[in-house]
Amino acid sequence: MARDPDAPEATEEELAAMRPASEVLHPALYAALTKRGRPKAARKKAQLTLRVDPAVIDADRATGPGRHTRMSEALASGVRRLAKAPA
């Protein structure tokens, strides 16, 4: 492995002097840096089981990544239209 002058290997003394991040960082910073997963949503989404025509599913899958978000937005748009429609 070629030596990188910008990232030299740590010496034995440097390795011996190292301490865990939990001992060095402020507790709030350490907690923020080690938190895993997505942030908690203010209003969680609900899981739904729905029977849909296979052609609709195929068209949705063909749109690629982000398709669940786009499908959710399409459903929300339909709900808004229904709310505006006269009874």
C-alpha atoms as a PDB file:
ATOM      1  CA  MET A   1       0.000   0.000   0.000  1.00  0.00           C
ATOM      2  CA  ALA A   2       1.443   3.369  -0.992  1.00  0.00           C
ATOM      3  CA  ARG A   3       1.993   5.877   1.795  1.00  0.00           C
ATOM      4  CA  ASP A   4      -0.253   8.914   1.671  1.00  0.00           C
ATOM      5  CA  PRO A   5       1.494  12.028   3.064  1.00  0.00           C
ATOM      6  CA  ASP A   6      -1.902  13.495   3.995  1.00  0.00           C
ATOM      7  CA  ALA A   7      -2.892  10.402   6.001  1.00  0.00           C
ATOM      8  CA  PRO A   8       0.157   8.845   7.618  1.00  0.00           C
ATOM      9  CA  GLU A   9      -0.195   5.686   9.697  1.00  0.00           C
ATOM     10  CA  ALA A  10      -0.646   6.271  13.416  1.00  0.00           C
ATOM     11  CA  THR A  11       2.350   5.517  15.572  1.00  0.00           C
ATOM     12  CA  GLU A  12       2.228   3.126  18.531  1.00  0.00           C
ATOM     13  CA  GLU A  13       2.301   6.149  20.880  1.00  0.00           C
ATOM     14  CA  GLU A  14      -0.635   7.789  19.079  1.00  0.00           C
ATOM     15  CA  LEU A  15      -2.623   4.567  19.172  1.00  0.00           C
ATOM     16  CA  ALA A  16      -1.921   4.142  22.895  1.00  0.00           C
ATOM     17  CA  ALA A  17      -3.078   7.722  23.598  1.00  0.00           C
ATOM     18  CA  MET A  18      -6.420   7.311  21.810  1.00  0.00           C
ATOM     19  CA  ARG A  19      -9.633   7.249  23.861  1.00  0.00           C
ATOM     20  CA  PRO A  20     -13.183   6.268  22.915  1.00  0.00           C
ATOM     21  CA  ALA A  21     -15.341   9.008  21.409  1.00  0.00           C
ATOM     22  CA  SER A  22     -17.809   8.545  24.287  1.00  0.00           C
ATOM     23  CA  GLU A  23     -15.105   9.805  26.695  1.00  0.00           C
ATOM     24  CA  VAL A  24     -13.959  12.731  24.554  1.00  0.00           C
ATOM     25  CA  LEU A  25     -17.107  14.228  22.998  1.00  0.00           C
ATOM     26  CA  HIS A  26     -19.863  16.152  24.743  1.00  0.00           C
ATOM     27  CA  PRO A  27     -22.646  13.656  25.633  1.00  0.00           C
ATOM     28  CA  ALA A  28     -25.242  15.406  23.437  1.00  0.00           C
ATOM     29  CA  LEU A  29     -22.895  15.435  20.441  1.00  0.00           C
ATOM     30  CA  TYR A  30     -21.955  11.800  20.959  1.00  0.00           C
ATOM     31  CA  ALA A  31     -25.641  10.834  21.175  1.00  0.00           C
ATOM     32  CA  ALA A  32     -26.432  12.739  17.962  1.00  0.00           C
ATOM     33  CA  LEU A  33     -23.521  11.171  16.078  1.00  0.00           C
ATOM     34  CA  THR A  34     -24.285   7.617  17.136  1.00  0.00           C
ATOM     35  CA  LYS A  35     -28.057   7.727  16.590  1.00  0.00           C
ATOM     36  CA  ARG A  36     -29.100   5.197  13.957  1.00  0.00           C
ATOM     37  CA  GLY A  37     -31.974   5.080  11.498  1.00  0.00           C
ATOM     38  CA  ARG A  38     -34.326   7.626  10.050  1.00  0.00           C
ATOM     39  CA  PRO A  39     -35.541  10.547  12.150  1.00  0.00           C
ATOM     40  CA  LYS A  40     -38.894  10.038  13.834  1.00  0.00           C
ATOM     41  CA  ALA A  41     -41.765  11.531  11.872  1.00  0.00           C
ATOM     42  CA  ALA A  42     -44.235  13.838  13.593  1.00  0.00           C
ATOM     43  CA  ARG A  43     -47.046  11.777  12.059  1.00  0.00           C
ATOM     44  CA  LYS A  44     -46.159   8.209  11.130  1.00  0.00           C
ATOM     45  CA  LYS A  45     -47.361   6.722   7.887  1.00  0.00           C
ATOM     46  CA  ALA A  46     -49.727   3.774   8.046  1.00  0.00           C
ATOM     47  CA  GLN A  47     -49.122   0.529   6.191  1.00  0.00           C
ATOM     48  CA  LEU A  48     -51.876  -0.394   3.752  1.00  0.00           C
ATOM     49  CA  THR A  49     -52.794  -3.588   1.931  1.00  0.00           C
ATOM     50  CA  LEU A  50     -54.603  -2.845  -1.304  1.00  0.00           C
ATOM     51  CA  ARG A  51     -55.649  -4.908  -4.333  1.00  0.00           C
ATOM     52  CA  VAL A  52     -54.607  -3.082  -7.495  1.00  0.00           C
ATOM     53  CA  ASP A  53     -54.747  -3.979 -11.180  1.00  0.00           C
ATOM     54  CA  PRO A  54     -51.419  -5.585 -12.267  1.00  0.00           C
ATOM     55  CA  ALA A  55     -51.012  -3.017 -15.065  1.00  0.00           C
ATOM     56  CA  VAL A  56     -51.011  -0.239 -12.455  1.00  0.00           C
ATOM     57  CA  ILE A  57     -48.357  -2.052 -10.411  1.00  0.00           C
ATOM     58  CA  ASP A  58     -46.204  -2.655 -13.516  1.00  0.00           C
ATOM     59  CA  ALA A  59     -46.451   1.000 -14.537  1.00  0.00           C
ATOM     60  CA  ASP A  60     -45.543   2.074 -11.005  1.00  0.00           C
ATOM     61  CA  ARG A  61     -42.540  -0.269 -10.825  1.00  0.00           C
ATOM     62  CA  ALA A  62     -41.310   0.993 -14.204  1.00  0.00           C
ATOM     63  CA  THR A  63     -40.860   4.488 -12.764  1.00  0.00           C
ATOM     64  CA  GLY A  64     -37.891   3.283 -10.675  1.00  0.00           C
ATOM     65  CA  PRO A  65     -36.585   4.471  -7.305  1.00  0.00           C
ATOM     66  CA  GLY A  66     -38.890   6.692  -5.285  1.00  0.00           C
ATOM     67  CA  ARG A  67     -41.979   5.034  -6.697  1.00  0.00           C
ATOM     68  CA  HIS A  68     -43.633   4.570  -3.301  1.00  0.00           C
ATOM     69  CA  THR A  69     -43.331   8.284  -2.597  1.00  0.00           C
ATOM     70  CA  ARG A  70     -44.740   9.154  -6.018  1.00  0.00           C
ATOM     71  CA  MET A  71     -47.641   6.727  -5.520  1.00  0.00           C
ATOM     72  CA  SER A  72     -48.383   8.277  -2.123  1.00  0.00           C
ATOM     73  CA  GLU A  73     -48.336  11.757  -3.686  1.00  0.00           C
ATOM     74  CA  ALA A  74     -50.712  10.602  -6.454  1.00  0.00           C
ATOM     75  CA  LEU A  75     -53.145   9.221  -3.874  1.00  0.00           C
ATOM     76  CA  ALA A  76     -52.919  12.438  -1.827  1.00  0.00           C
ATOM     77  CA  SER A  77     -53.627  14.474  -4.972  1.00  0.00           C
ATOM     78  CA  GLY A  78     -56.733  12.368  -5.621  1.00  0.00           C
ATOM     79  CA  VAL A  79     -57.937  12.906  -2.064  1.00  0.00           C
ATOM     80  CA  ARG A  80     -57.514  16.697  -2.435  1.00  0.00           C
ATOM     81  CA  ARG A  81     -59.507  16.630  -5.692  1.00  0.00           C
ATOM     82  CA  LEU A  82     -62.291  14.645  -4.044  1.00  0.00           C
ATOM     83  CA  ALA A  83     -62.408  17.118  -1.153  1.00  0.00           C
ATOM     84  CA  LYS A  84     -62.869  20.032  -3.605  1.00  0.00           C
ATOM     85  CA  ALA A  85     -65.520  18.297  -5.741  1.00  0.00           C
ATOM     86  CA  PRO A  86     -69.141  19.279  -5.145  1.00  0.00           C
ATOM     87  CA  ALA A  87     -71.273  16.596  -3.506  1.00  0.00           C
END
